[in-house]
PDB file of all heavy atoms in Angstrom:
ATOM      1  N   GLY A   1       1.878   0.296  -7.723  1.00  0.00           N
ATOM      2  CA  GLY A   1       2.288   1.017  -6.517  1.00  0.00           C
ATOM      3  C   GLY A   1       1.834   0.340  -5.236  1.00  0.00           C
ATOM      4  O   GLY A   1       2.607   0.197  -4.280  1.00  0.00           O
ATOM      5  N   GLY A   2       0.580  -0.097  -5.216  1.00  0.00           N
ATOM      6  CA  GLY A   2       0.055  -0.771  -4.035  1.00  0.00           C
ATOM      7  C   GLY A   2       0.800  -2.058  -3.732  1.00  0.00           C
ATOM      8  O   GLY A   2       1.081  -2.374  -2.570  1.00  0.00           O
ATOM      9  N   ASP A   3       1.144  -2.802  -4.789  1.00  0.00           N
ATOM     10  CA  ASP A   3       1.841  -4.076  -4.584  1.00  0.00           C
ATOM     11  C   ASP A   3       3.301  -3.866  -4.198  1.00  0.00           C
ATOM     12  O   ASP A   3       3.871  -4.680  -3.455  1.00  0.00           O
ATOM     13  CB  ASP A   3       1.726  -4.945  -5.843  1.00  0.00           C
ATOM     14  CG  ASP A   3       0.310  -5.472  -6.052  1.00  0.00           C
ATOM     15  OD1 ASP A   3      -0.568  -5.166  -5.226  1.00  0.00           O
ATOM     16  OD2 ASP A   3       0.077  -6.173  -7.051  1.00  0.00           O
ATOM     17  N   ILE A   4       3.930  -2.790  -4.688  1.00  0.00           N
ATOM     18  CA  ILE A   4       5.287  -2.459  -4.251  1.00  0.00           C
ATOM     19  C   ILE A   4       5.272  -2.150  -2.754  1.00  0.00           C
ATOM     20  O   ILE A   4       6.116  -2.629  -1.989  1.00  0.00           O
ATOM     21  CB  ILE A   4       5.843  -1.246  -5.038  1.00  0.00           C
ATOM     22  CG1 ILE A   4       6.089  -1.621  -6.500  1.00  0.00           C
ATOM     23  CG2 ILE A   4       7.133  -0.729  -4.401  1.00  0.00           C
ATOM     24  CD1 ILE A   4       6.422  -0.429  -7.389  1.00  0.00           C
ATOM     25  N   ALA A   5       4.297  -1.351  -2.333  1.00  0.00           N
ATOM     26  CA  ALA A   5       4.171  -0.998  -0.914  1.00  0.00           C
ATOM     27  C   ALA A   5       3.978  -2.245  -0.056  1.00  0.00           C
ATOM     28  O   ALA A   5       4.632  -2.411   0.988  1.00  0.00           O
ATOM     29  CB  ALA A   5       3.002  -0.031  -0.721  1.00  0.00           C
ATOM     30  N   ALA A   6       3.094  -3.135  -0.494  1.00  0.00           N
ATOM     31  CA  ALA A   6       2.817  -4.355   0.280  1.00  0.00           C
ATOM     32  C   ALA A   6       4.062  -5.237   0.374  1.00  0.00           C
ATOM     33  O   ALA A   6       4.353  -5.820   1.430  1.00  0.00           O
ATOM     34  CB  ALA A   6       1.669  -5.127  -0.359  1.00  0.00           C
ATOM     35  N   TRP A   7       4.808  -5.342  -0.728  1.00  0.00           N
ATOM     36  CA  TRP A   7       6.008  -6.180  -0.727  1.00  0.00           C
ATOM     37  C   TRP A   7       7.059  -5.614   0.237  1.00  0.00           C
ATOM     38  O   TRP A   7       7.708  -6.366   0.964  1.00  0.00           O
ATOM     39  CB  TRP A   7       6.583  -6.306  -2.131  1.00  0.00           C
ATOM     40  CG  TRP A   7       7.776  -7.219  -2.152  1.00  0.00           C
ATOM     41  CD1 TRP A   7       9.094  -6.874  -2.234  1.00  0.00           C
ATOM     42  CD2 TRP A   7       7.742  -8.648  -2.037  1.00  0.00           C
ATOM     43  NE1 TRP A   7       9.891  -7.982  -2.181  1.00  0.00           N
ATOM     44  CE2 TRP A   7       9.093  -9.088  -2.064  1.00  0.00           C
ATOM     45  CE3 TRP A   7       6.723  -9.591  -1.913  1.00  0.00           C
ATOM     46  CZ2 TRP A   7       9.427 -10.448  -1.973  1.00  0.00           C
ATOM     47  CZ3 TRP A   7       7.068 -10.934  -1.830  1.00  0.00           C
ATOM     48  CH2 TRP A   7       8.402 -11.349  -1.854  1.00  0.00           C
ATOM     49  N   CYS A   8       7.228  -4.291   0.240  1.00  0.00           N
ATOM     50  CA  CYS A   8       8.186  -3.658   1.162  1.00  0.00           C
ATOM     51  C   CYS A   8       7.792  -3.909   2.611  1.00  0.00           C
ATOM     52  O   CYS A   8       8.652  -4.172   3.473  1.00  0.00           O
ATOM     53  CB  CYS A   8       8.269  -2.156   0.888  1.00  0.00           C
ATOM     54  SG  CYS A   8       9.060  -1.733  -0.682  1.00  0.00           S
ATOM     55  N   VAL A   9       6.495  -3.857   2.898  1.00  0.00           N
ATOM     56  CA  VAL A   9       6.009  -4.154   4.251  1.00  0.00           C
ATOM     57  C   VAL A   9       6.330  -5.594   4.627  1.00  0.00           C
ATOM     58  O   VAL A   9       6.782  -5.892   5.739  1.00  0.00           O
ATOM     59  CB  VAL A   9       4.489  -3.894   4.356  1.00  0.00           C
ATOM     60  CG1 VAL A   9       3.915  -4.497   5.629  1.00  0.00           C
ATOM     61  CG2 VAL A   9       4.206  -2.398   4.307  1.00  0.00           C
ATOM     62  N   LEU A  10       6.113  -6.494   3.684  1.00  0.00           N
ATOM     63  CA  LEU A  10       6.365  -7.917   3.928  1.00  0.00           C
ATOM     64  C   LEU A  10       7.835  -8.184   4.257  1.00  0.00           C
ATOM     65  O   LEU A  10       8.160  -9.138   4.954  1.00  0.00           O
ATOM     66  CB  LEU A  10       5.950  -8.727   2.689  1.00  0.00           C
ATOM     67  CG  LEU A  10       5.664 -10.210   2.854  1.00  0.00           C
ATOM     68  CD1 LEU A  10       4.559 -10.458   3.878  1.00  0.00           C
ATOM     69  CD2 LEU A  10       5.275 -10.825   1.523  1.00  0.00           C
ATOM     70  N   GLN A  11       8.723  -7.308   3.767  1.00  0.00           N
ATOM     71  CA  GLN A  11      10.155  -7.451   4.036  1.00  0.00           C
ATOM     72  C   GLN A  11      10.581  -6.702   5.304  1.00  0.00           C
ATOM     73  O   GLN A  11      11.775  -6.556   5.566  1.00  0.00           O
ATOM     74  CB  GLN A  11      10.975  -6.963   2.838  1.00  0.00           C
ATOM     75  CG  GLN A  11      10.609  -7.614   1.523  1.00  0.00           C
ATOM     76  CD  GLN A  11      10.559  -9.117   1.589  1.00  0.00           C
ATOM     77  OE1 GLN A  11      11.511  -9.750   2.037  1.00  0.00           O
ATOM     78  NE2 GLN A  11       9.454  -9.710   1.171  1.00  0.00           N
ATOM     79  N   GLY A  12       9.598  -6.205   6.087  1.00  0.00           N
ATOM     80  CA  GLY A  12       9.890  -5.623   7.389  1.00  0.00           C
ATOM     81  C   GLY A  12       9.913  -4.114   7.452  1.00  0.00           C
ATOM     82  O   GLY A  12      10.182  -3.538   8.508  1.00  0.00           O
ATOM     83  N   MET A  13       9.620  -3.426   6.344  1.00  0.00           N
ATOM     84  CA  MET A  13       9.673  -1.972   6.341  1.00  0.00           C
ATOM     85  C   MET A  13       8.348  -1.354   6.777  1.00  0.00           C
ATOM     86  O   MET A  13       7.296  -1.996   6.692  1.00  0.00           O
ATOM     87  CB  MET A  13      10.035  -1.454   4.933  1.00  0.00           C
ATOM     88  CG  MET A  13      11.408  -1.858   4.456  1.00  0.00           C
ATOM     89  SD  MET A  13      11.783  -1.194   2.803  1.00  0.00           S
ATOM     90  CE  MET A  13      11.920   0.548   3.192  1.00  0.00           C
ATOM     91  N   GLU A  14       8.416  -0.088   7.233  1.00  0.00           N
ATOM     92  CA  GLU A  14       7.213   0.713   7.438  1.00  0.00           C
ATOM     93  C   GLU A  14       6.980   1.493   6.146  1.00  0.00           C
ATOM     94  O   GLU A  14       7.910   2.085   5.599  1.00  0.00           O
ATOM     95  CB  GLU A  14       7.412   1.699   8.594  1.00  0.00           C
ATOM     96  CG  GLU A  14       7.487   1.047   9.956  1.00  0.00           C
ATOM     97  CD  GLU A  14       7.656   2.076  11.061  1.00  0.00           C
ATOM     98  OE1 GLU A  14       7.608   3.301  10.757  1.00  0.00           O
ATOM     99  OE2 GLU A  14       7.837   1.672  12.214  1.00  0.00           O
ATOM    100  N   VAL A  15       5.737   1.483   5.664  1.00  0.00           N
ATOM    101  CA  VAL A  15       5.449   2.101   4.365  1.00  0.00           C
ATOM    102  C   VAL A  15       4.234   3.007   4.463  1.00  0.00           C
ATOM    103  O   VAL A  15       3.186   2.611   4.986  1.00  0.00           O
ATOM    104  CB  VAL A  15       5.192   1.024   3.286  1.00  0.00           C
ATOM    105  CG1 VAL A  15       4.928   1.683   1.929  1.00  0.00           C
ATOM    106  CG2 VAL A  15       6.383   0.073   3.180  1.00  0.00           C
ATOM    107  N   THR A  16       4.382   4.235   3.948  1.00  0.00           N
ATOM    108  CA  THR A  16       3.239   5.128   3.780  1.00  0.00           C
ATOM    109  C   THR A  16       2.870   5.113   2.303  1.00  0.00           C
ATOM    110  O   THR A  16       3.737   5.201   1.432  1.00  0.00           O
ATOM    111  CB  THR A  16       3.584   6.560   4.235  1.00  0.00           C
ATOM    112  OG1 THR A  16       4.895   6.916   3.756  1.00  0.00           O
ATOM    113  CG2 THR A  16       3.559   6.673   5.740  1.00  0.00           C
ATOM    114  N   LEU A  17       1.574   4.977   2.028  1.00  0.00           N
ATOM    115  CA  LEU A  17       1.079   4.839   0.661  1.00  0.00           C
ATOM    116  C   LEU A  17       0.174   6.012   0.329  1.00  0.00           C
ATOM    117  O   LEU A  17      -0.839   6.235   0.994  1.00  0.00           O
ATOM    118  CB  LEU A  17       0.318   3.510   0.513  1.00  0.00           C
ATOM    119  CG  LEU A  17      -0.270   3.180  -0.860  1.00  0.00           C
ATOM    120  CD1 LEU A  17       0.800   3.173  -1.942  1.00  0.00           C
ATOM    121  CD2 LEU A  17      -0.981   1.822  -0.819  1.00  0.00           C
ATOM    122  N   GLN A  18       0.551   6.759  -0.693  1.00  0.00           N
ATOM    123  CA  GLN A  18      -0.143   8.004  -1.020  1.00  0.00           C
ATOM    124  C   GLN A  18      -0.912   7.902  -2.333  1.00  0.00           C
ATOM    125  O   GLN A  18      -0.446   7.299  -3.298  1.00  0.00           O
ATOM    126  CB  GLN A  18       0.875   9.149  -1.130  1.00  0.00           C
ATOM    127  CG  GLN A  18       0.256  10.514  -1.425  1.00  0.00           C
ATOM    128  CD  GLN A  18       1.312  11.612  -1.521  1.00  0.00           C
ATOM    129  OE1 GLN A  18       2.494  11.392  -1.250  1.00  0.00           O
ATOM    130  NE2 GLN A  18       0.895  12.803  -1.938  1.00  0.00           N
ATOM    131  N   ASP A  19      -2.099   8.487  -2.338  1.00  0.00           N
ATOM    132  CA  ASP A  19      -2.869   8.684  -3.568  1.00  0.00           C
ATOM    133  C   ASP A  19      -3.805   9.863  -3.334  1.00  0.00           C
ATOM    134  O   ASP A  19      -3.865  10.411  -2.227  1.00  0.00           O
ATOM    135  CB  ASP A  19      -3.635   7.420  -3.973  1.00  0.00           C
ATOM    136  CG  ASP A  19      -3.730   7.285  -5.496  1.00  0.00           C
ATOM    137  OD1 ASP A  19      -4.138   8.284  -6.138  1.00  0.00           O
ATOM    138  OD2 ASP A  19      -3.397   6.220  -6.030  1.00  0.00           O
ATOM    139  N   ARG A  20      -4.561  10.226  -4.372  1.00  0.00           N
ATOM    140  CA  ARG A  20      -5.373  11.451  -4.290  1.00  0.00           C
ATOM    141  C   ARG A  20      -6.444  11.388  -3.199  1.00  0.00           C
ATOM    142  O   ARG A  20      -6.708  12.370  -2.521  1.00  0.00           O
ATOM    143  CB  ARG A  20      -6.031  11.734  -5.642  1.00  0.00           C
ATOM    144  CG  ARG A  20      -5.055  12.177  -6.726  1.00  0.00           C
ATOM    145  CD  ARG A  20      -5.715  12.159  -8.082  1.00  0.00           C
ATOM    146  NE  ARG A  20      -6.008  10.794  -8.518  1.00  0.00           N
ATOM    147  CZ  ARG A  20      -6.803  10.475  -9.525  1.00  0.00           C
ATOM    148  NH1 ARG A  20      -7.443  11.434 -10.196  1.00  0.00           N
ATOM    149  NH2 ARG A  20      -6.993   9.222  -9.869  1.00  0.00           N
ATOM    150  N   GLU A  21      -7.081  10.222  -3.056  1.00  0.00           N
ATOM    151  CA  GLU A  21      -8.122  10.051  -2.048  1.00  0.00           C
ATOM    152  C   GLU A  21      -7.993   8.672  -1.425  1.00  0.00           C
ATOM    153  O   GLU A  21      -7.419   7.750  -2.023  1.00  0.00           O
ATOM    154  CB  GLU A  21      -9.514  10.206  -2.681  1.00  0.00           C
ATOM    155  CG  GLU A  21      -9.819  11.581  -3.257  1.00  0.00           C
ATOM    156  CD  GLU A  21     -11.212  11.628  -3.876  1.00  0.00           C
ATOM    157  OE1 GLU A  21     -12.147  11.107  -3.255  1.00  0.00           O
ATOM    158  OE2 GLU A  21     -11.341  12.164  -4.993  1.00  0.00           O
ATOM    159  N   LEU A  22      -8.575   8.515  -0.240  1.00  0.00           N
ATOM    160  CA  LEU A  22      -8.498   7.238   0.466  1.00  0.00           C
ATOM    161  C   LEU A  22      -9.152   6.117  -0.342  1.00  0.00           C
ATOM    162  O   LEU A  22      -8.704   4.967  -0.287  1.00  0.00           O
ATOM    163  CB  LEU A  22      -9.169   7.366   1.839  1.00  0.00           C
ATOM    164  CG  LEU A  22      -9.098   6.123   2.743  1.00  0.00           C
ATOM    165  CD1 LEU A  22      -7.643   5.751   3.035  1.00  0.00           C
ATOM    166  CD2 LEU A  22      -9.864   6.346   4.039  1.00  0.00           C
ATOM    167  N   LYS A  23     -10.181   6.447  -1.113  1.00  0.00           N
ATOM    168  CA  LYS A  23     -10.892   5.407  -1.870  1.00  0.00           C
ATOM    169  C   LYS A  23      -9.982   4.738  -2.901  1.00  0.00           C
ATOM    170  O   LYS A  23     -10.228   3.600  -3.318  1.00  0.00           O
ATOM    171  CB  LYS A  23     -12.136   5.989  -2.552  1.00  0.00           C
ATOM    172  CG  LYS A  23     -11.854   6.995  -3.653  1.00  0.00           C
ATOM    173  CD  LYS A  23     -13.151   7.505  -4.268  1.00  0.00           C
ATOM    174  CE  LYS A  23     -12.901   8.498  -5.406  1.00  0.00           C
ATOM    175  NZ  LYS A  23     -14.158   9.013  -5.981  1.00  0.00           N
ATOM    176  N   TYR A  24      -8.919   5.438  -3.345  1.00  0.00           N
ATOM    177  CA  TYR A  24      -7.976   4.841  -4.290  1.00  0.00           C
ATOM    178  C   TYR A  24      -6.947   3.962  -3.582  1.00  0.00           C
ATOM    179  O   TYR A  24      -6.313   3.113  -4.210  1.00  0.00           O
ATOM    180  CB  TYR A  24      -7.251   5.935  -5.083  1.00  0.00           C
ATOM    181  CG  TYR A  24      -8.163   6.792  -5.922  1.00  0.00           C
ATOM    182  CD1 TYR A  24      -8.267   8.161  -5.705  1.00  0.00           C
ATOM    183  CD2 TYR A  24      -8.940   6.231  -6.932  1.00  0.00           C
ATOM    184  CE1 TYR A  24      -9.117   8.955  -6.474  1.00  0.00           C
ATOM    185  CE2 TYR A  24      -9.792   7.005  -7.700  1.00  0.00           C
ATOM    186  CZ  TYR A  24      -9.877   8.372  -7.467  1.00  0.00           C
ATOM    187  OH  TYR A  24     -10.726   9.134  -8.218  1.00  0.00           O
ATOM    188  N   ILE A  25      -6.788   4.151  -2.276  1.00  0.00           N
ATOM    189  CA  ILE A  25      -5.818   3.366  -1.499  1.00  0.00           C
ATOM    190  C   ILE A  25      -6.442   2.089  -0.963  1.00  0.00           C
ATOM    191  O   ILE A  25      -5.770   1.067  -0.801  1.00  0.00           O
ATOM    192  CB  ILE A  25      -5.252   4.221  -0.335  1.00  0.00           C
ATOM    193  CG1 ILE A  25      -4.584   5.489  -0.891  1.00  0.00           C
ATOM    194  CG2 ILE A  25      -4.259   3.431   0.504  1.00  0.00           C
ATOM    195  CD1 ILE A  25      -4.090   6.456   0.181  1.00  0.00           C
ATOM    196  N   GLU A  26      -7.748   2.116  -0.707  1.00  0.00           N
ATOM    197  CA  GLU A  26      -8.422   0.978  -0.070  1.00  0.00           C
ATOM    198  C   GLU A  26      -8.272  -0.348  -0.836  1.00  0.00           C
ATOM    199  O   GLU A  26      -8.028  -1.389  -0.218  1.00  0.00           O
ATOM    200  CB  GLU A  26      -9.900   1.319   0.156  1.00  0.00           C
ATOM    201  CG  GLU A  26     -10.088   2.296   1.321  1.00  0.00           C
ATOM    202  CD  GLU A  26     -11.508   2.821   1.432  1.00  0.00           C
ATOM    203  OE1 GLU A  26     -12.278   2.634   0.454  1.00  0.00           O
ATOM    204  OE2 GLU A  26     -11.845   3.404   2.480  1.00  0.00           O
ATOM    205  N   PRO A  27      -8.394  -0.365  -2.176  1.00  0.00           N
ATOM    206  CA  PRO A  27      -8.180  -1.643  -2.886  1.00  0.00           C
ATOM    207  C   PRO A  27      -6.771  -2.201  -2.684  1.00  0.00           C
ATOM    208  O   PRO A  27      -6.591  -3.412  -2.591  1.00  0.00           O
ATOM    209  CB  PRO A  27      -8.423  -1.273  -4.357  1.00  0.00           C
ATOM    210  CG  PRO A  27      -9.271  -0.048  -4.312  1.00  0.00           C
ATOM    211  CD  PRO A  27      -8.826   0.696  -3.102  1.00  0.00           C
ATOM    212  N   ALA A  28      -5.780  -1.303  -2.588  1.00  0.00           N
ATOM    213  CA  ALA A  28      -4.398  -1.749  -2.355  1.00  0.00           C
ATOM    214  C   ALA A  28      -4.261  -2.381  -0.976  1.00  0.00           C
ATOM    215  O   ALA A  28      -3.538  -3.381  -0.801  1.00  0.00           O
ATOM    216  CB  ALA A  28      -3.441  -0.566  -2.496  1.00  0.00           C
ATOM    217  N   LEU A  29      -4.941  -1.825   0.012  1.00  0.00           N
ATOM    218  CA  LEU A  29      -4.911  -2.390   1.366  1.00  0.00           C
ATOM    219  C   LEU A  29      -5.553  -3.780   1.386  1.00  0.00           C
ATOM    220  O   LEU A  29      -5.083  -4.684   2.084  1.00  0.00           O
ATOM    221  CB  LEU A  29      -5.631  -1.465   2.347  1.00  0.00           C
ATOM    222  CG  LEU A  29      -5.050  -0.048   2.519  1.00  0.00           C
ATOM    223  CD1 LEU A  29      -5.918   0.758   3.482  1.00  0.00           C
ATOM    224  CD2 LEU A  29      -3.616  -0.111   3.019  1.00  0.00           C
ATOM    225  N   LYS A  30      -6.603  -3.931   0.609  1.00  0.00           N
ATOM    226  CA  LYS A  30      -7.296  -5.227   0.530  1.00  0.00           C
ATOM    227  C   LYS A  30      -6.384  -6.282  -0.105  1.00  0.00           C
ATOM    228  O   LYS A  30      -6.290  -7.417   0.380  1.00  0.00           O
ATOM    229  CB  LYS A  30      -8.593  -5.070  -0.284  1.00  0.00           C
ATOM    230  CG  LYS A  30      -9.469  -6.298  -0.296  1.00  0.00           C
ATOM    231  CD  LYS A  30     -10.762  -6.028  -1.056  1.00  0.00           C
ATOM    232  CE  LYS A  30     -11.646  -7.274  -1.095  1.00  0.00           C
ATOM    233  NZ  LYS A  30     -12.902  -7.029  -1.860  1.00  0.00           N
ATOM    234  N   ARG A  31      -5.705  -5.896  -1.186  1.00  0.00           N
ATOM    235  CA  ARG A  31      -4.776  -6.829  -1.840  1.00  0.00           C
ATOM    236  C   ARG A  31      -3.617  -7.162  -0.903  1.00  0.00           C
ATOM    237  O   ARG A  31      -3.144  -8.299  -0.863  1.00  0.00           O
ATOM    238  CB  ARG A  31      -4.225  -6.240  -3.141  1.00  0.00           C
ATOM    239  CG  ARG A  31      -5.226  -6.142  -4.274  1.00  0.00           C
ATOM    240  CD  ARG A  31      -4.535  -5.961  -5.619  1.00  0.00           C
ATOM    241  NE  ARG A  31      -3.516  -4.920  -5.585  1.00  0.00           N
ATOM    242  CZ  ARG A  31      -3.772  -3.618  -5.716  1.00  0.00           C
ATOM    243  NH1 ARG A  31      -5.012  -3.213  -5.891  1.00  0.00           N
ATOM    244  NH2 ARG A  31      -2.789  -2.742  -5.694  1.00  0.00           N
ATOM    245  N   ALA A  32      -3.168  -6.155  -0.163  1.00  0.00           N
ATOM    246  CA  ALA A  32      -2.051  -6.371   0.772  1.00  0.00           C
ATOM    247  C   ALA A  32      -2.440  -7.387   1.838  1.00  0.00           C
ATOM    248  O   ALA A  32      -1.648  -8.271   2.190  1.00  0.00           O
ATOM    249  CB  ALA A  32      -1.650  -5.053   1.417  1.00  0.00           C
TER     250      ALA A  32
END
């Protein structure tokens, strides 16, 4: 999910990324 979101952003889209808590989203932001 995190990598799909990052790829969509890279193609020019605005993306909101949802998970249960922010701590689960932070690793995806780092990879992005």
